[in-house]
């Protein structure tokens, strides 16, 4: 099973879409709220070299933004 981290913020509509997408396919993930957790923000920035959300890390592969097709390919979702 892939280890998935989702870096998000409460105000982000794309973060909400990513969470719904993963949950709708029964995919477990760990959510990190970068708006309230400075350590999570730093970890996201280090992994992605980005400051915007969402950032999704799947087994060390980084996806910036909500890219449904890229996530589906990586996770084998049809």
PDB file of N, CA and C in Angstrom:
ATOM      1  N   UNK A   1       0.843  -1.185   0.000  1.00  0.00           N
ATOM      2  CA  UNK A   1       0.000   0.000   0.000  1.00  0.00           C
ATOM      3  C   UNK A   1       0.883   1.240   0.000  1.00  0.00           C
ATOM      4  N   UNK A   2       0.550   2.174  -0.827  1.00  0.00           N
ATOM      5  CA  UNK A   2       1.321   3.407  -0.943  1.00  0.00           C
ATOM      6  C   UNK A   2       1.141   4.257   0.314  1.00  0.00           C
ATOM      7  N   UNK A   3       2.208   4.937   0.696  1.00  0.00           N
ATOM      8  CA  UNK A   3       2.136   5.898   1.789  1.00  0.00           C
ATOM      9  C   UNK A   3       1.825   7.253   1.159  1.00  0.00           C
ATOM     10  N   UNK A   4       0.701   7.857   1.577  1.00  0.00           N
ATOM     11  CA  UNK A   4       0.233   9.090   0.953  1.00  0.00           C
ATOM     12  C   UNK A   4       0.089  10.182   2.008  1.00  0.00           C
ATOM     13  N   UNK A   5       0.714  11.322   1.723  1.00  0.00           N
ATOM     14  CA  UNK A   5       0.571  12.508   2.567  1.00  0.00           C
ATOM     15  C   UNK A   5      -0.075  13.599   1.730  1.00  0.00           C
ATOM     16  N   UNK A   6      -1.091  14.230   2.279  1.00  0.00           N
ATOM     17  CA  UNK A   6      -1.780  15.325   1.604  1.00  0.00           C
ATOM     18  C   UNK A   6      -1.582  16.579   2.438  1.00  0.00           C
ATOM     19  N   UNK A   7      -0.866  17.536   1.880  1.00  0.00           N
ATOM     20  CA  UNK A   7      -0.644  18.824   2.534  1.00  0.00           C
ATOM     21  C   UNK A   7      -1.717  19.766   2.028  1.00  0.00           C
ATOM     22  N   UNK A   8      -2.480  20.336   2.956  1.00  0.00           N
ATOM     23  CA  UNK A   8      -3.648  21.124   2.566  1.00  0.00           C
ATOM     24  C   UNK A   8      -3.855  22.294   3.514  1.00  0.00           C
ATOM     25  N   UNK A   9      -4.857  23.092   3.183  1.00  0.00           N
ATOM     26  CA  UNK A   9      -5.298  24.208   4.020  1.00  0.00           C
ATOM     27  C   UNK A   9      -6.825  24.240   3.978  1.00  0.00           C
ATOM     28  N   UNK A  10      -7.446  24.642   5.074  1.00  0.00           N
ATOM     29  CA  UNK A  10      -8.912  24.607   5.140  1.00  0.00           C
ATOM     30  C   UNK A  10      -9.621  25.437   4.072  1.00  0.00           C
ATOM     31  N   UNK A  11      -9.034  26.508   3.618  1.00  0.00           N
ATOM     32  CA  UNK A  11      -9.677  27.411   2.659  1.00  0.00           C
ATOM     33  C   UNK A  11      -9.524  26.967   1.198  1.00  0.00           C
ATOM     34  N   UNK A  12      -8.787  25.891   0.962  1.00  0.00           N
ATOM     35  CA  UNK A  12      -8.402  25.489  -0.394  1.00  0.00           C
ATOM     36  C   UNK A  12      -9.429  24.554  -1.035  1.00  0.00           C
ATOM     37  N   UNK A  13     -10.123  25.003  -2.099  1.00  0.00           N
ATOM     38  CA  UNK A  13     -11.111  24.133  -2.740  1.00  0.00           C
ATOM     39  C   UNK A  13     -10.476  22.930  -3.436  1.00  0.00           C
ATOM     40  N   UNK A  14      -9.264  23.075  -3.969  1.00  0.00           N
ATOM     41  CA  UNK A  14      -8.603  21.949  -4.625  1.00  0.00           C
ATOM     42  C   UNK A  14      -8.157  20.899  -3.612  1.00  0.00           C
ATOM     43  N   UNK A  15      -7.847  21.333  -2.416  1.00  0.00           N
ATOM     44  CA  UNK A  15      -7.523  20.389  -1.342  1.00  0.00           C
ATOM     45  C   UNK A  15      -8.747  19.539  -1.010  1.00  0.00           C
ATOM     46  N   UNK A  16      -9.893  20.195  -0.925  1.00  0.00           N
ATOM     47  CA  UNK A  16     -11.146  19.483  -0.641  1.00  0.00           C
ATOM     48  C   UNK A  16     -11.463  18.485  -1.752  1.00  0.00           C
ATOM     49  N   UNK A  17     -11.227  18.892  -2.992  1.00  0.00           N
ATOM     50  CA  UNK A  17     -11.462  17.993  -4.124  1.00  0.00           C
ATOM     51  C   UNK A  17     -10.530  16.785  -4.047  1.00  0.00           C
ATOM     52  N   UNK A  18      -9.266  17.008  -3.719  1.00  0.00           N
ATOM     53  CA  UNK A  18      -8.293  15.915  -3.612  1.00  0.00           C
ATOM     54  C   UNK A  18      -8.695  14.949  -2.504  1.00  0.00           C
ATOM     55  N   UNK A  19      -9.110  15.485  -1.362  1.00  0.00           N
ATOM     56  CA  UNK A  19      -9.530  14.624  -0.245  1.00  0.00           C
ATOM     57  C   UNK A  19     -10.741  13.781  -0.638  1.00  0.00           C
ATOM     58  N   UNK A  20     -11.731  14.418  -1.281  1.00  0.00           N
ATOM     59  CA  UNK A  20     -12.933  13.671  -1.714  1.00  0.00           C
ATOM     60  C   UNK A  20     -12.567  12.594  -2.726  1.00  0.00           C
ATOM     61  N   UNK A  21     -11.680  12.927  -3.651  1.00  0.00           N
ATOM     62  CA  UNK A  21     -11.269  11.977  -4.687  1.00  0.00           C
ATOM     63  C   UNK A  21     -10.602  10.749  -4.062  1.00  0.00           C
ATOM     64  N   UNK A  22      -9.636  10.974  -3.201  1.00  0.00           N
ATOM     65  CA  UNK A  22      -8.943   9.853  -2.569  1.00  0.00           C
ATOM     66  C   UNK A  22      -9.911   9.027  -1.726  1.00  0.00           C
ATOM     67  N   UNK A  23     -10.728   9.696  -0.927  1.00  0.00           N
ATOM     68  CA  UNK A  23     -11.683   8.980  -0.066  1.00  0.00           C
ATOM     69  C   UNK A  23     -12.693   8.197  -0.887  1.00  0.00           C
ATOM     70  N   UNK A  24     -13.139   8.748  -2.011  1.00  0.00           N
ATOM     71  CA  UNK A  24     -14.143   8.062  -2.826  1.00  0.00           C
ATOM     72  C   UNK A  24     -13.604   6.771  -3.441  1.00  0.00           C
ATOM     73  N   UNK A  25     -12.284   6.661  -3.511  1.00  0.00           N
ATOM     74  CA  UNK A  25     -11.666   5.445  -4.025  1.00  0.00           C
ATOM     75  C   UNK A  25     -11.106   4.569  -2.903  1.00  0.00           C
ATOM     76  N   UNK A  26     -11.453   4.905  -1.675  1.00  0.00           N
ATOM     77  CA  UNK A  26     -11.035   4.111  -0.525  1.00  0.00           C
ATOM     78  C   UNK A  26      -9.536   4.160  -0.264  1.00  0.00           C
ATOM     79  N   UNK A  27      -8.907   5.247  -0.649  1.00  0.00           N
ATOM     80  CA  UNK A  27      -7.463   5.373  -0.506  1.00  0.00           C
ATOM     81  C   UNK A  27      -7.150   6.124   0.779  1.00  0.00           C
ATOM     82  N   UNK A  28      -6.390   5.472   1.647  1.00  0.00           N
ATOM     83  CA  UNK A  28      -6.012   6.084   2.920  1.00  0.00           C
ATOM     84  C   UNK A  28      -4.888   7.084   2.707  1.00  0.00           C
ATOM     85  N   UNK A  29      -4.972   8.187   3.427  1.00  0.00           N
ATOM     86  CA  UNK A  29      -3.935   9.210   3.350  1.00  0.00           C
ATOM     87  C   UNK A  29      -3.846   9.916   4.693  1.00  0.00           C
ATOM     88  N   UNK A  30      -2.721  10.548   4.911  1.00  0.00           N
ATOM     89  CA  UNK A  30      -2.521  11.356   6.104  1.00  0.00           C
ATOM     90  C   UNK A  30      -2.579  12.811   5.686  1.00  0.00           C
ATOM     91  N   UNK A  31      -3.469  13.560   6.316  1.00  0.00           N
ATOM     92  CA  UNK A  31      -3.614  14.968   5.980  1.00  0.00           C
ATOM     93  C   UNK A  31      -2.791  15.825   6.930  1.00  0.00           C
ATOM     94  N   UNK A  32      -2.121  16.822   6.361  1.00  0.00           N
ATOM     95  CA  UNK A  32      -1.326  17.766   7.132  1.00  0.00           C
ATOM     96  C   UNK A  32      -1.831  19.171   6.808  1.00  0.00           C
ATOM     97  N   UNK A  33      -2.350  19.869   7.811  1.00  0.00           N
ATOM     98  CA  UNK A  33      -2.888  21.223   7.633  1.00  0.00           C
ATOM     99  C   UNK A  33      -1.739  22.222   7.755  1.00  0.00           C
ATOM    100  N   UNK A  34      -1.281  22.734   6.624  1.00  0.00           N
ATOM    101  CA  UNK A  34      -0.133  23.639   6.622  1.00  0.00           C
ATOM    102  C   UNK A  34      -0.503  25.033   7.128  1.00  0.00           C
ATOM    103  N   UNK A  35      -1.797  25.330   7.227  1.00  0.00           N
ATOM    104  CA  UNK A  35      -2.220  26.630   7.744  1.00  0.00           C
ATOM    105  C   UNK A  35      -2.052  26.715   9.252  1.00  0.00           C
ATOM    106  N   UNK A  36      -2.143  25.583   9.927  1.00  0.00           N
ATOM    107  CA  UNK A  36      -2.053  25.595  11.392  1.00  0.00           C
ATOM    108  C   UNK A  36      -0.825  24.868  11.938  1.00  0.00           C
ATOM    109  N   UNK A  37      -0.070  24.216  11.073  1.00  0.00           N
ATOM    110  CA  UNK A  37       1.088  23.433  11.519  1.00  0.00           C
ATOM    111  C   UNK A  37       2.334  23.869  10.749  1.00  0.00           C
ATOM    112  N   UNK A  38       3.165  24.655  11.401  1.00  0.00           N
ATOM    113  CA  UNK A  38       4.363  25.185  10.746  1.00  0.00           C
ATOM    114  C   UNK A  38       5.333  24.084  10.327  1.00  0.00           C
ATOM    115  N   UNK A  39       5.422  23.025  11.115  1.00  0.00           N
ATOM    116  CA  UNK A  39       6.292  21.903  10.742  1.00  0.00           C
ATOM    117  C   UNK A  39       5.801  21.225   9.470  1.00  0.00           C
ATOM    118  N   UNK A  40       4.499  21.089   9.334  1.00  0.00           N
ATOM    119  CA  UNK A  40       3.927  20.506   8.116  1.00  0.00           C
ATOM    120  C   UNK A  40       4.210  21.409   6.923  1.00  0.00           C
ATOM    121  N   UNK A  41       4.097  22.718   7.124  1.00  0.00           N
ATOM    122  CA  UNK A  41       4.384  23.657   6.042  1.00  0.00           C
ATOM    123  C   UNK A  41       5.831  23.514   5.588  1.00  0.00           C
ATOM    124  N   UNK A  42       6.743  23.434   6.539  1.00  0.00           N
ATOM    125  CA  UNK A  42       8.164  23.280   6.185  1.00  0.00           C
ATOM    126  C   UNK A  42       8.430  21.962   5.469  1.00  0.00           C
ATOM    127  N   UNK A  43       7.789  20.889   5.926  1.00  0.00           N
ATOM    128  CA  UNK A  43       7.962  19.580   5.284  1.00  0.00           C
ATOM    129  C   UNK A  43       7.439  19.611   3.849  1.00  0.00           C
ATOM    130  N   UNK A  44       6.286  20.276   3.647  1.00  0.00           N
ATOM    131  CA  UNK A  44       5.723  20.400   2.308  1.00  0.00           C
ATOM    132  C   UNK A  44       6.654  21.192   1.405  1.00  0.00           C
ATOM    133  N   UNK A  45       7.155  22.296   1.920  1.00  0.00           N
ATOM    134  CA  UNK A  45       8.055  23.149   1.150  1.00  0.00           C
ATOM    135  C   UNK A  45       9.338  22.408   0.775  1.00  0.00           C
ATOM    136  N   UNK A  46       9.848  21.627   1.709  1.00  0.00           N
ATOM    137  CA  UNK A  46      11.067  20.858   1.447  1.00  0.00           C
ATOM    138  C   UNK A  46      10.831  19.783   0.389  1.00  0.00           C
ATOM    139  N   UNK A  47       9.699  19.124   0.469  1.00  0.00           N
ATOM    140  CA  UNK A  47       9.395  18.041  -0.472  1.00  0.00           C
ATOM    141  C   UNK A  47       9.099  18.557  -1.875  1.00  0.00           C
ATOM    142  N   UNK A  48       8.395  19.698  -1.954  1.00  0.00           N
ATOM    143  CA  UNK A  48       7.875  20.144  -3.244  1.00  0.00           C
ATOM    144  C   UNK A  48       8.531  21.405  -3.801  1.00  0.00           C
ATOM    145  N   UNK A  49       9.235  22.133  -2.940  1.00  0.00           N
ATOM    146  CA  UNK A  49       9.791  23.438  -3.324  1.00  0.00           C
ATOM    147  C   UNK A  49       8.665  24.394  -3.728  1.00  0.00           C
ATOM    148  N   UNK A  50       7.495  24.174  -3.154  1.00  0.00           N
ATOM    149  CA  UNK A  50       6.305  24.990  -3.428  1.00  0.00           C
ATOM    150  C   UNK A  50       5.737  25.512  -2.116  1.00  0.00           C
ATOM    151  N   UNK A  51       4.973  26.587  -2.215  1.00  0.00           N
ATOM    152  CA  UNK A  51       4.301  27.143  -1.043  1.00  0.00           C
ATOM    153  C   UNK A  51       2.782  27.024  -1.154  1.00  0.00           C
ATOM    154  N   UNK A  52       2.295  26.600  -2.309  1.00  0.00           N
ATOM    155  CA  UNK A  52       0.857  26.472  -2.525  1.00  0.00           C
ATOM    156  C   UNK A  52       0.371  25.064  -2.264  1.00  0.00           C
ATOM    157  N   UNK A  53      -0.913  24.947  -1.981  1.00  0.00           N
ATOM    158  CA  UNK A  53      -1.532  23.652  -1.718  1.00  0.00           C
ATOM    159  C   UNK A  53      -2.585  23.369  -2.785  1.00  0.00           C
ATOM    160  N   UNK A  54      -2.968  22.140  -2.985  1.00  0.00           N
ATOM    161  CA  UNK A  54      -2.495  20.964  -2.284  1.00  0.00           C
ATOM    162  C   UNK A  54      -1.172  20.448  -2.845  1.00  0.00           C
ATOM    163  N   UNK A  55      -0.459  19.764  -1.982  1.00  0.00           N
ATOM    164  CA  UNK A  55       0.712  18.994  -2.383  1.00  0.00           C
ATOM    165  C   UNK A  55       0.441  17.583  -1.882  1.00  0.00           C
ATOM    166  N   UNK A  56       0.572  16.622  -2.782  1.00  0.00           N
ATOM    167  CA  UNK A  56       0.331  15.223  -2.437  1.00  0.00           C
ATOM    168  C   UNK A  56       1.622  14.469  -2.679  1.00  0.00           C
ATOM    169  N   UNK A  57       2.064  13.749  -1.657  1.00  0.00           N
ATOM    170  CA  UNK A  57       3.288  12.964  -1.766  1.00  0.00           C
ATOM    171  C   UNK A  57       2.900  11.497  -1.653  1.00  0.00           C
ATOM    172  N   UNK A  58       3.221  10.749  -2.707  1.00  0.00           N
ATOM    173  CA  UNK A  58       2.917   9.322  -2.741  1.00  0.00           C
ATOM    174  C   UNK A  58       4.239   8.584  -2.875  1.00  0.00           C
ATOM    175  N   UNK A  59       4.624   7.882  -1.814  1.00  0.00           N
ATOM    176  CA  UNK A  59       5.891   7.143  -1.811  1.00  0.00           C
ATOM    177  C   UNK A  59       7.041   8.007  -2.354  1.00  0.00           C
ATOM    178  N   UNK A  60       7.151   9.201  -1.853  1.00  0.00           N
ATOM    179  CA  UNK A  60       8.206  10.164  -2.189  1.00  0.00           C
ATOM    180  C   UNK A  60       8.052  10.852  -3.547  1.00  0.00           C
ATOM    181  N   UNK A  61       7.039  10.498  -4.322  1.00  0.00           N
ATOM    182  CA  UNK A  61       6.764  11.208  -5.567  1.00  0.00           C
ATOM    183  C   UNK A  61       5.799  12.355  -5.260  1.00  0.00           C
ATOM    184  N   UNK A  62       6.152  13.555  -5.720  1.00  0.00           N
ATOM    185  CA  UNK A  62       5.410  14.758  -5.358  1.00  0.00           C
ATOM    186  C   UNK A  62       4.477  15.189  -6.492  1.00  0.00           C
ATOM    187  N   UNK A  63       3.227  15.475  -6.125  1.00  0.00           N
ATOM    188  CA  UNK A  63       2.225  15.991  -7.048  1.00  0.00           C
ATOM    189  C   UNK A  63       1.781  17.348  -6.510  1.00  0.00           C
ATOM    190  N   UNK A  64       1.971  18.385  -7.300  1.00  0.00           N
ATOM    191  CA  UNK A  64       1.589  19.732  -6.892  1.00  0.00           C
ATOM    192  C   UNK A  64       0.260  20.055  -7.548  1.00  0.00           C
ATOM    193  N   UNK A  65      -0.714  20.428  -6.737  1.00  0.00           N
ATOM    194  CA  UNK A  65      -2.056  20.691  -7.238  1.00  0.00           C
ATOM    195  C   UNK A  65      -2.861  19.401  -7.295  1.00  0.00           C
ATOM    196  N   UNK A  66      -4.111  19.526  -7.678  1.00  0.00           N
ATOM    197  CA  UNK A  66      -4.980  18.359  -7.805  1.00  0.00           C
ATOM    198  C   UNK A  66      -5.045  17.965  -9.270  1.00  0.00           C
ATOM    199  N   UNK A  67      -4.257  16.959  -9.620  1.00  0.00           N
ATOM    200  CA  UNK A  67      -4.197  16.448 -10.994  1.00  0.00           C
ATOM    201  C   UNK A  67      -4.789  15.038 -10.974  1.00  0.00           C
ATOM    202  N   UNK A  68      -6.078  14.980 -11.234  1.00  0.00           N
ATOM    203  CA  UNK A  68      -6.827  13.712 -11.148  1.00  0.00           C
ATOM    204  C   UNK A  68      -6.197  12.616 -12.017  1.00  0.00           C
ATOM    205  N   UNK A  69      -5.814  12.951 -13.240  1.00  0.00           N
ATOM    206  CA  UNK A  69      -5.260  11.941 -14.149  1.00  0.00           C
ATOM    207  C   UNK A  69      -3.916  11.410 -13.655  1.00  0.00           C
ATOM    208  N   UNK A  70      -3.053  12.288 -13.194  1.00  0.00           N
ATOM    209  CA  UNK A  70      -1.743  11.853 -12.690  1.00  0.00           C
ATOM    210  C   UNK A  70      -1.895  10.982 -11.454  1.00  0.00           C
ATOM    211  N   UNK A  71      -2.814  11.355 -10.567  1.00  0.00           N
ATOM    212  CA  UNK A  71      -3.057  10.553  -9.369  1.00  0.00           C
ATOM    213  C   UNK A  71      -3.624   9.185  -9.745  1.00  0.00           C
ATOM    214  N   UNK A  72      -4.555   9.164 -10.690  1.00  0.00           N
ATOM    215  CA  UNK A  72      -5.151   7.899 -11.119  1.00  0.00           C
ATOM    216  C   UNK A  72      -4.093   6.968 -11.688  1.00  0.00           C
ATOM    217  N   UNK A  73      -3.190   7.512 -12.513  1.00  0.00           N
ATOM    218  CA  UNK A  73      -2.119   6.676 -13.072  1.00  0.00           C
ATOM    219  C   UNK A  73      -1.227   6.124 -11.963  1.00  0.00           C
ATOM    220  N   UNK A  74      -0.831   6.980 -11.051  1.00  0.00           N
ATOM    221  CA  UNK A  74       0.081   6.558  -9.988  1.00  0.00           C
ATOM    222  C   UNK A  74      -0.573   5.514  -9.092  1.00  0.00           C
ATOM    223  N   UNK A  75      -1.853   5.692  -8.804  1.00  0.00           N
ATOM    224  CA  UNK A  75      -2.549   4.820  -7.846  1.00  0.00           C
ATOM    225  C   UNK A  75      -3.284   3.661  -8.508  1.00  0.00           C
ATOM    226  N   UNK A  76      -3.257   3.590  -9.836  1.00  0.00           N
ATOM    227  CA  UNK A  76      -3.927   2.507 -10.541  1.00  0.00           C
ATOM    228  C   UNK A  76      -5.439   2.601 -10.492  1.00  0.00           C
ATOM    229  N   UNK A  77      -5.958   3.809 -10.454  1.00  0.00           N
ATOM    230  CA  UNK A  77      -7.406   4.025 -10.425  1.00  0.00           C
ATOM    231  C   UNK A  77      -7.907   4.152 -11.854  1.00  0.00           C
ATOM    232  N   UNK A  78      -9.026   3.502 -12.135  1.00  0.00           N
ATOM    233  CA  UNK A  78      -9.616   3.579 -13.489  1.00  0.00           C
ATOM    234  C   UNK A  78     -10.882   4.363 -13.469  1.00  0.00           C
TER     235      UNK A  78
END
